[in-house]
Amino acid sequence: MATNTGKGFRKGSVDDRSQLNLDKKGSKYVKRDTTTGRFVDLKEDDKPFKGVAHEPDKRKD
């Protein structure tokens, strides 16, 4: 489980979530629930989510 350190970063990765780019330029990131496959959140800026694995996610293999 990821924990916030209060220093601008997380320790560990967020469980049961992954992220992917919706745009080829990398300007839109969306967070997905890996158990249900539903989209959870859309990022407003062009930076990826902190502590969330990128797809394809190999953690569950």
C-alpha atoms as a PDB file:
ATOM      1  CA  MET A   1       0.000   0.000   0.000  1.00  0.00           C
ATOM      2  CA  ALA A   2       1.273   3.462  -0.846  1.00  0.00           C
ATOM      3  CA  THR A   3       1.792   6.001   1.890  1.00  0.00           C
ATOM      4  CA  ASN A   4       2.293   9.746   1.543  1.00  0.00           C
ATOM      5  CA  THR A   5       5.567  11.014   2.986  1.00  0.00           C
ATOM      6  CA  GLY A   6       4.652  14.711   3.082  1.00  0.00           C
ATOM      7  CA  LYS A   7       7.720  15.488   0.950  1.00  0.00           C
ATOM      8  CA  GLY A   8       6.046  15.438  -2.487  1.00  0.00           C
ATOM      9  CA  PHE A   9       6.324  11.716  -3.183  1.00  0.00           C
ATOM     10  CA  ARG A  10       4.777   8.410  -2.169  1.00  0.00           C
ATOM     11  CA  LYS A  11       6.494   5.390  -0.746  1.00  0.00           C
ATOM     12  CA  GLY A  12       5.319   2.257  -2.540  1.00  0.00           C
ATOM     13  CA  SER A  13       2.796   1.922  -5.312  1.00  0.00           C
ATOM     14  CA  VAL A  14      -0.967   2.303  -5.267  1.00  0.00           C
ATOM     15  CA  ASP A  15      -2.638  -1.132  -5.164  1.00  0.00           C
ATOM     16  CA  ASP A  16      -5.322  -2.154  -7.684  1.00  0.00           C
ATOM     17  CA  ARG A  17      -4.786   0.894  -9.920  1.00  0.00           C
ATOM     18  CA  SER A  18      -2.976   1.468 -13.197  1.00  0.00           C
ATOM     19  CA  GLN A  19      -2.716   4.399 -15.592  1.00  0.00           C
ATOM     20  CA  LEU A  20      -2.522   4.859 -19.318  1.00  0.00           C
ATOM     21  CA  ASN A  21      -2.157   7.652 -21.876  1.00  0.00           C
ATOM     22  CA  LEU A  22      -5.246   8.645 -23.835  1.00  0.00           C
ATOM     23  CA  ASP A  23      -3.286  10.911 -26.155  1.00  0.00           C
ATOM     24  CA  LYS A  24      -0.219  10.047 -28.250  1.00  0.00           C
ATOM     25  CA  LYS A  25       1.488  13.234 -27.005  1.00  0.00           C
ATOM     26  CA  GLY A  26       1.143  12.011 -23.406  1.00  0.00           C
ATOM     27  CA  SER A  27      -0.996  14.955 -22.376  1.00  0.00           C
ATOM     28  CA  LYS A  28      -3.968  13.036 -20.900  1.00  0.00           C
ATOM     29  CA  TYR A  29      -3.588  10.359 -18.235  1.00  0.00           C
ATOM     30  CA  VAL A  30      -6.449   8.258 -16.934  1.00  0.00           C
ATOM     31  CA  LYS A  31      -6.437   6.038 -13.845  1.00  0.00           C
ATOM     32  CA  ARG A  32      -8.093   2.624 -14.074  1.00  0.00           C
ATOM     33  CA  ASP A  33      -9.263   0.165 -11.416  1.00  0.00           C
ATOM     34  CA  THR A  34      -7.517  -3.103 -12.237  1.00  0.00           C
ATOM     35  CA  THR A  35     -10.142  -5.351 -10.627  1.00  0.00           C
ATOM     36  CA  THR A  36     -13.215  -3.933 -12.418  1.00  0.00           C
ATOM     37  CA  GLY A  37     -11.568  -2.254 -15.420  1.00  0.00           C
ATOM     38  CA  ARG A  38     -13.481   0.984 -14.865  1.00  0.00           C
ATOM     39  CA  PHE A  39     -11.899   4.395 -15.320  1.00  0.00           C
ATOM     40  CA  VAL A  40     -11.544   6.139 -11.972  1.00  0.00           C
ATOM     41  CA  ASP A  41      -9.972   9.549 -12.599  1.00  0.00           C
ATOM     42  CA  LEU A  42      -8.749  11.789 -15.438  1.00  0.00           C
ATOM     43  CA  LYS A  43      -5.704  13.978 -14.901  1.00  0.00           C
ATOM     44  CA  GLU A  44      -6.099  17.654 -15.863  1.00  0.00           C
ATOM     45  CA  ASP A  45      -2.426  18.424 -16.494  1.00  0.00           C
ATOM     46  CA  ASP A  46       0.112  16.565 -18.651  1.00  0.00           C
ATOM     47  CA  LYS A  47       1.909  14.847 -15.750  1.00  0.00           C
ATOM     48  CA  PRO A  48       1.232  11.205 -14.801  1.00  0.00           C
ATOM     49  CA  PHE A  49      -0.289  10.150 -11.477  1.00  0.00           C
ATOM     50  CA  LYS A  50       2.194   9.661  -8.639  1.00  0.00           C
ATOM     51  CA  GLY A  51       2.736   6.102  -7.450  1.00  0.00           C
ATOM     52  CA  VAL A  52       0.401   4.472  -9.984  1.00  0.00           C
ATOM     53  CA  ALA A  53       1.791   1.784 -12.316  1.00  0.00           C
ATOM     54  CA  HIS A  54       1.688   2.355 -16.074  1.00  0.00           C
ATOM     55  CA  GLU A  55      -0.108  -0.111 -18.342  1.00  0.00           C
ATOM     56  CA  PRO A  56       0.640  -2.794 -19.281  1.00  0.00           C
ATOM     57  CA  ASP A  57       0.955  -3.671 -15.602  1.00  0.00           C
ATOM     58  CA  LYS A  58       3.111  -6.734 -14.899  1.00  0.00           C
ATOM     59  CA  ARG A  59       2.661  -6.735 -11.089  1.00  0.00           C
ATOM     60  CA  LYS A  60      -0.146  -9.316 -11.097  1.00  0.00           C
ATOM     61  CA  ASP A  61       1.609 -11.838 -13.375  1.00  0.00           C
END
